[in-house]
Amino acid sequence: MTIILGTIAIVIVVVAIGLLIDRKVGLLPAPKDFADTKGDERKKLATHGAGEAPATALRVRDSQIARLRTSQRCATCRETMTGEADDTVRFNDTDLLVLHFACPSCASKRALYLVRLTS
């Protein structure tokens, strides 16, 4: 019985010393370190924009595809992106057209997922 009580006492003393050291030195991050700097607003989860993922594919007509090919701008440097080879993929039993773009200035790449409308 004495061994059990002695072990419990040692554990309590070690935990207390650890808490005191943490308060003085700051080994563990404080809850305020995790807080958002913009007040009580919570950070939004990163989501895909329209057409950036197969689940958010844009529904377009053939006449709109030509406009989309020429109007894409780089998110980094705002330069007009050049078109690359297109792909076709299948997602949820739907054929998607994937337009690929590359920025001539900063070499960033982008894909745009489209669902072609027939009418």
N, C-alpha and C. Protein backbone atom coordinates (compact mmCIF):
# COMPACT_ATOMS: atom_id res chain seq x y z
N MET A 1 0.83 -1.19 0.00
CA MET A 1 0.00 0.00 0.00
C MET A 1 0.87 1.26 0.00
N THR A 2 1.98 1.19 0.72
CA THR A 2 2.88 2.33 0.80
C THR A 2 3.51 2.62 -0.56
N ILE A 3 3.78 1.56 -1.31
CA ILE A 3 4.38 1.74 -2.63
C ILE A 3 3.41 2.48 -3.55
N ILE A 4 2.15 2.14 -3.50
CA ILE A 4 1.14 2.78 -4.34
C ILE A 4 1.00 4.25 -3.96
N LEU A 5 0.90 4.56 -2.68
CA LEU A 5 0.77 5.95 -2.24
C LEU A 5 2.03 6.75 -2.57
N GLY A 6 3.20 6.12 -2.43
CA GLY A 6 4.45 6.79 -2.79
C GLY A 6 4.51 7.11 -4.27
N THR A 7 4.09 6.18 -5.11
CA THR A 7 4.07 6.40 -6.56
C THR A 7 3.11 7.52 -6.93
N ILE A 8 1.95 7.53 -6.33
CA ILE A 8 0.97 8.60 -6.60
C ILE A 8 1.54 9.95 -6.17
N ALA A 9 2.20 9.99 -5.03
CA ALA A 9 2.79 11.25 -4.55
C ALA A 9 3.88 11.74 -5.49
N ILE A 10 4.72 10.84 -5.98
CA ILE A 10 5.78 11.23 -6.92
C ILE A 10 5.18 11.79 -8.21
N VAL A 11 4.14 11.14 -8.72
CA VAL A 11 3.49 11.61 -9.95
C VAL A 11 2.90 12.99 -9.73
N ILE A 12 2.24 13.22 -8.61
CA ILE A 12 1.64 14.53 -8.32
C ILE A 12 2.71 15.61 -8.22
N VAL A 13 3.83 15.31 -7.58
CA VAL A 13 4.92 16.28 -7.43
C VAL A 13 5.52 16.60 -8.80
N VAL A 14 5.74 15.60 -9.64
CA VAL A 14 6.32 15.83 -10.97
C VAL A 14 5.38 16.66 -11.83
N VAL A 15 4.09 16.39 -11.78
CA VAL A 15 3.12 17.17 -12.56
C VAL A 15 3.09 18.61 -12.06
N ALA A 16 3.11 18.83 -10.77
CA ALA A 16 3.10 20.18 -10.21
C ALA A 16 4.34 20.94 -10.63
N ILE A 17 5.51 20.30 -10.59
CA ILE A 17 6.76 20.96 -11.01
C ILE A 17 6.68 21.29 -12.50
N GLY A 18 6.14 20.39 -13.30
CA GLY A 18 5.99 20.65 -14.73
C GLY A 18 5.09 21.83 -15.01
N LEU A 19 4.00 21.95 -14.28
CA LEU A 19 3.10 23.10 -14.46
C LEU A 19 3.76 24.40 -14.07
N LEU A 20 4.53 24.39 -12.98
CA LEU A 20 5.24 25.60 -12.57
C LEU A 20 6.28 26.02 -13.60
N ILE A 21 7.02 25.06 -14.13
CA ILE A 21 8.01 25.38 -15.16
C ILE A 21 7.32 25.91 -16.40
N ASP A 22 6.20 25.31 -16.79
CA ASP A 22 5.47 25.77 -17.98
C ASP A 22 4.97 27.20 -17.81
N ARG A 23 4.54 27.57 -16.63
CA ARG A 23 4.06 28.94 -16.39
C ARG A 23 5.21 29.94 -16.48
N LYS A 24 6.39 29.55 -16.04
CA LYS A 24 7.55 30.46 -16.06
C LYS A 24 8.18 30.55 -17.45
N VAL A 25 8.36 29.40 -18.11
CA VAL A 25 9.08 29.35 -19.37
C VAL A 25 8.14 29.36 -20.57
N GLY A 26 6.98 28.78 -20.44
CA GLY A 26 6.02 28.74 -21.55
C GLY A 26 6.35 27.64 -22.55
N LEU A 27 6.48 26.42 -22.10
CA LEU A 27 6.79 25.30 -22.99
C LEU A 27 5.61 24.93 -23.88
N LEU A 28 4.42 24.93 -23.32
CA LEU A 28 3.22 24.60 -24.08
C LEU A 28 2.57 25.86 -24.63
N PRO A 29 1.97 25.80 -25.82
CA PRO A 29 1.31 26.99 -26.35
C PRO A 29 0.07 27.34 -25.53
N ALA A 30 -0.14 28.63 -25.33
CA ALA A 30 -1.30 29.11 -24.59
C ALA A 30 -2.52 29.14 -25.52
N PRO A 31 -3.72 29.08 -24.98
CA PRO A 31 -4.91 29.14 -25.83
C PRO A 31 -4.98 30.42 -26.67
N LYS A 32 -4.43 31.51 -26.18
CA LYS A 32 -4.47 32.75 -26.97
C LYS A 32 -3.59 32.66 -28.22
N ASP A 33 -2.60 31.74 -28.22
CA ASP A 33 -1.78 31.55 -29.41
C ASP A 33 -2.57 30.93 -30.55
N PHE A 34 -3.64 30.21 -30.22
CA PHE A 34 -4.47 29.60 -31.23
C PHE A 34 -5.61 30.51 -31.67
N ALA A 35 -5.84 31.59 -30.98
CA ALA A 35 -6.96 32.49 -31.27
C ALA A 35 -6.71 33.23 -32.58
N ASP A 36 -7.79 33.53 -33.27
CA ASP A 36 -7.72 34.29 -34.51
C ASP A 36 -7.41 35.74 -34.17
N THR A 37 -6.60 36.38 -34.99
CA THR A 37 -6.19 37.76 -34.72
C THR A 37 -7.29 38.76 -35.05
N LYS A 38 -8.34 38.34 -35.72
CA LYS A 38 -9.42 39.24 -36.12
C LYS A 38 -10.59 39.21 -35.14
N GLY A 39 -10.32 39.02 -33.90
CA GLY A 39 -11.38 39.01 -32.91
C GLY A 39 -11.96 37.63 -32.74
N ASP A 40 -13.28 37.56 -32.59
CA ASP A 40 -13.94 36.29 -32.32
C ASP A 40 -14.30 35.52 -33.59
N GLU A 41 -13.98 36.08 -34.76
CA GLU A 41 -14.31 35.38 -35.99
C GLU A 41 -13.52 34.10 -36.09
N ARG A 42 -14.18 33.05 -36.47
CA ARG A 42 -13.52 31.77 -36.67
C ARG A 42 -12.99 31.72 -38.11
N LYS A 43 -11.87 31.07 -38.29
CA LYS A 43 -11.34 30.92 -39.63
C LYS A 43 -12.26 30.00 -40.42
N LYS A 44 -12.52 30.38 -41.65
CA LYS A 44 -13.36 29.56 -42.51
C LYS A 44 -12.54 28.39 -43.03
N LEU A 45 -13.21 27.28 -43.23
CA LEU A 45 -12.55 26.13 -43.82
C LEU A 45 -12.21 26.43 -45.27
N ALA A 46 -11.09 25.93 -45.70
CA ALA A 46 -10.69 26.13 -47.08
C ALA A 46 -11.62 25.35 -47.99
N THR A 47 -12.26 26.03 -48.91
CA THR A 47 -13.17 25.38 -49.84
C THR A 47 -12.73 25.71 -51.26
N HIS A 48 -13.19 24.92 -52.19
CA HIS A 48 -12.87 25.16 -53.59
C HIS A 48 -13.85 26.18 -54.16
N GLY A 49 -13.34 27.04 -55.00
CA GLY A 49 -14.18 28.00 -55.68
C GLY A 49 -14.93 27.32 -56.82
N ALA A 50 -15.81 28.05 -57.45
CA ALA A 50 -16.60 27.50 -58.55
C ALA A 50 -15.69 27.05 -59.68
N GLY A 51 -15.77 25.78 -60.03
CA GLY A 51 -15.00 25.23 -61.14
C GLY A 51 -13.61 24.77 -60.78
N GLU A 52 -13.17 24.94 -59.55
CA GLU A 52 -11.81 24.56 -59.17
C GLU A 52 -11.69 23.08 -58.81
N ALA A 53 -12.79 22.38 -58.62
CA ALA A 53 -12.78 20.96 -58.29
C ALA A 53 -13.93 20.28 -59.03
N PRO A 54 -13.85 18.98 -59.22
CA PRO A 54 -14.94 18.30 -59.93
C PRO A 54 -16.31 18.49 -59.27
N ALA A 55 -16.33 18.56 -57.95
CA ALA A 55 -17.61 18.72 -57.25
C ALA A 55 -18.21 20.11 -57.45
N THR A 56 -17.40 21.08 -57.84
CA THR A 56 -17.89 22.45 -58.04
C THR A 56 -17.84 22.86 -59.51
N ALA A 57 -17.95 21.89 -60.41
CA ALA A 57 -17.83 22.15 -61.85
C ALA A 57 -18.87 23.17 -62.32
N LEU A 58 -18.43 24.03 -63.23
CA LEU A 58 -19.32 25.05 -63.80
C LEU A 58 -20.16 24.43 -64.92
N ARG A 59 -21.40 24.80 -65.00
CA ARG A 59 -22.29 24.35 -66.07
C ARG A 59 -22.31 25.44 -67.14
N VAL A 60 -21.75 25.12 -68.31
CA VAL A 60 -21.60 26.13 -69.36
C VAL A 60 -22.04 25.58 -70.71
N ARG A 61 -22.35 26.50 -71.60
CA ARG A 61 -22.65 26.16 -72.99
C ARG A 61 -21.36 26.28 -73.80
N ASP A 62 -21.36 25.73 -74.99
CA ASP A 62 -20.16 25.76 -75.84
C ASP A 62 -19.72 27.18 -76.15
N SER A 63 -20.65 28.11 -76.27
CA SER A 63 -20.29 29.49 -76.57
C SER A 63 -19.56 30.15 -75.39
N GLN A 64 -19.82 29.70 -74.19
CA GLN A 64 -19.18 30.28 -73.01
C GLN A 64 -17.77 29.71 -72.79
N ILE A 65 -17.50 28.54 -73.33
CA ILE A 65 -16.19 27.91 -73.14
C ILE A 65 -15.09 28.75 -73.78
N ALA A 66 -15.35 29.28 -74.96
CA ALA A 66 -14.33 30.11 -75.63
C ALA A 66 -14.02 31.36 -74.80
N ARG A 67 -15.04 31.93 -74.19
CA ARG A 67 -14.83 33.11 -73.34
C ARG A 67 -14.01 32.74 -72.09
N LEU A 68 -14.29 31.57 -71.53
CA LEU A 68 -13.55 31.13 -70.35
C LEU A 68 -12.08 30.87 -70.66
N ARG A 69 -11.80 30.39 -71.87
CA ARG A 69 -10.40 30.12 -72.26
C ARG A 69 -9.57 31.39 -72.31
N THR A 70 -10.18 32.50 -72.65
CA THR A 70 -9.41 33.74 -72.83
C THR A 70 -9.47 34.67 -71.63
N SER A 71 -10.32 34.40 -70.65
CA SER A 71 -10.51 35.36 -69.56
C SER A 71 -9.87 34.95 -68.24
N GLN A 72 -9.09 33.88 -68.22
CA GLN A 72 -8.52 33.41 -66.95
C GLN A 72 -7.28 34.22 -66.58
N ARG A 73 -7.25 34.67 -65.34
CA ARG A 73 -6.10 35.44 -64.83
C ARG A 73 -5.45 34.69 -63.69
N CYS A 74 -4.16 34.87 -63.56
CA CYS A 74 -3.39 34.23 -62.50
C CYS A 74 -3.77 34.85 -61.15
N ALA A 75 -3.98 34.00 -60.14
CA ALA A 75 -4.34 34.48 -58.81
C ALA A 75 -3.16 35.16 -58.13
N THR A 76 -1.94 34.83 -58.54
CA THR A 76 -0.75 35.38 -57.91
C THR A 76 -0.35 36.73 -58.49
N CYS A 77 -0.20 36.78 -59.83
CA CYS A 77 0.32 38.01 -60.44
C CYS A 77 -0.68 38.73 -61.34
N ARG A 78 -1.89 38.19 -61.49
CA ARG A 78 -2.98 38.78 -62.28
C ARG A 78 -2.67 38.85 -63.78
N GLU A 79 -1.69 38.11 -64.24
CA GLU A 79 -1.35 38.01 -65.67
C GLU A 79 -2.38 37.11 -66.35
N THR A 80 -2.68 37.36 -67.63
CA THR A 80 -3.60 36.50 -68.38
C THR A 80 -2.93 35.15 -68.60
N MET A 81 -3.64 34.08 -68.24
CA MET A 81 -3.08 32.73 -68.33
C MET A 81 -3.26 32.18 -69.73
N THR A 82 -2.33 31.32 -70.15
CA THR A 82 -2.41 30.70 -71.46
C THR A 82 -3.00 29.30 -71.31
N GLY A 83 -3.76 28.91 -72.32
CA GLY A 83 -4.41 27.60 -72.28
C GLY A 83 -3.45 26.49 -72.64
N GLU A 84 -3.64 25.33 -72.01
CA GLU A 84 -2.87 24.13 -72.32
C GLU A 84 -3.84 23.06 -72.81
N ALA A 85 -3.37 21.86 -72.99
CA ALA A 85 -4.21 20.77 -73.50
C ALA A 85 -5.37 20.48 -72.53
N ASP A 86 -6.55 20.25 -73.12
CA ASP A 86 -7.75 19.96 -72.32
C ASP A 86 -7.83 18.47 -72.02
N ASP A 87 -8.57 18.13 -70.96
CA ASP A 87 -8.82 16.75 -70.59
C ASP A 87 -10.32 16.54 -70.44
N THR A 88 -10.71 15.28 -70.45
CA THR A 88 -12.08 14.90 -70.13
C THR A 88 -12.02 13.87 -69.01
N VAL A 89 -12.77 14.11 -67.95
CA VAL A 89 -12.80 13.17 -66.82
C VAL A 89 -14.25 12.83 -66.51
N ARG A 90 -14.44 11.76 -65.77
CA ARG A 90 -15.79 11.35 -65.37
C ARG A 90 -15.90 11.48 -63.86
N PHE A 91 -16.94 12.17 -63.39
CA PHE A 91 -17.17 12.39 -61.97
C PHE A 91 -18.66 12.26 -61.69
N ASN A 92 -19.04 11.36 -60.80
CA ASN A 92 -20.45 11.12 -60.46
C ASN A 92 -21.31 10.88 -61.71
N ASP A 93 -20.84 10.00 -62.57
CA ASP A 93 -21.54 9.64 -63.81
C ASP A 93 -21.78 10.82 -64.74
N THR A 94 -20.92 11.81 -64.66
CA THR A 94 -21.00 12.98 -65.53
C THR A 94 -19.64 13.21 -66.17
N ASP A 95 -19.63 13.44 -67.48
CA ASP A 95 -18.38 13.76 -68.16
C ASP A 95 -18.07 15.24 -67.96
N LEU A 96 -16.86 15.52 -67.50
CA LEU A 96 -16.43 16.89 -67.27
C LEU A 96 -15.31 17.25 -68.22
N LEU A 97 -15.34 18.46 -68.72
CA LEU A 97 -14.25 19.00 -69.52
C LEU A 97 -13.33 19.76 -68.57
N VAL A 98 -12.03 19.46 -68.62
CA VAL A 98 -11.07 20.13 -67.74
C VAL A 98 -10.18 21.01 -68.60
N LEU A 99 -10.27 22.31 -68.38
CA LEU A 99 -9.40 23.26 -69.07
C LEU A 99 -8.19 23.52 -68.19
N HIS A 100 -7.00 23.37 -68.76
CA HIS A 100 -5.77 23.61 -68.02
C HIS A 100 -5.16 24.93 -68.47
N PHE A 101 -4.65 25.68 -67.50
CA PHE A 101 -4.04 26.97 -67.77
C PHE A 101 -2.70 27.07 -67.07
N ALA A 102 -1.80 27.86 -67.66
CA ALA A 102 -0.49 28.12 -67.04
C ALA A 102 -0.19 29.60 -67.17
N CYS A 103 0.44 30.16 -66.15
CA CYS A 103 0.80 31.57 -66.18
C CYS A 103 2.18 31.71 -66.81
N PRO A 104 2.31 32.56 -67.83
CA PRO A 104 3.62 32.73 -68.46
C PRO A 104 4.62 33.48 -67.57
N SER A 105 4.14 34.24 -66.60
CA SER A 105 5.04 35.03 -65.75
C SER A 105 5.57 34.24 -64.56
N CYS A 106 4.67 33.67 -63.77
CA CYS A 106 5.10 33.02 -62.53
C CYS A 106 5.01 31.50 -62.57
N ALA A 107 4.60 30.93 -63.70
CA ALA A 107 4.54 29.49 -63.93
C ALA A 107 3.55 28.77 -63.01
N SER A 108 2.58 29.47 -62.43
CA SER A 108 1.56 28.77 -61.65
C SER A 108 0.55 28.14 -62.61
N LYS A 109 -0.09 27.08 -62.14
CA LYS A 109 -1.03 26.34 -62.98
C LYS A 109 -2.40 26.33 -62.35
N ARG A 110 -3.41 26.12 -63.20
CA ARG A 110 -4.79 26.11 -62.73
C ARG A 110 -5.60 25.20 -63.63
N ALA A 111 -6.58 24.54 -63.05
CA ALA A 111 -7.51 23.71 -63.82
C ALA A 111 -8.92 24.21 -63.56
N LEU A 112 -9.74 24.17 -64.58
CA LEU A 112 -11.13 24.61 -64.49
C LEU A 112 -12.02 23.47 -64.96
N TYR A 113 -12.92 23.00 -64.10
CA TYR A 113 -13.81 21.88 -64.40
C TYR A 113 -15.14 22.40 -64.91
N LEU A 114 -15.59 21.84 -66.05
CA LEU A 114 -16.82 22.31 -66.70
C LEU A 114 -17.74 21.15 -67.04
N VAL A 115 -19.04 21.39 -66.94
CA VAL A 115 -20.07 20.47 -67.42
C VAL A 115 -20.69 21.14 -68.63
N ARG A 116 -20.62 20.48 -69.78
CA ARG A 116 -21.20 21.05 -71.00
C ARG A 116 -22.70 20.86 -71.00
N LEU A 117 -23.43 21.95 -71.23
CA LEU A 117 -24.88 21.89 -71.35
C LEU A 117 -25.22 21.71 -72.82
N THR A 118 -26.20 20.88 -73.12
CA THR A 118 -26.54 20.59 -74.50
C THR A 118 -27.50 21.63 -75.09
N SER A 119 -28.34 22.22 -74.28
CA SER A 119 -29.32 23.16 -74.85
C SER A 119 -29.00 24.58 -74.49
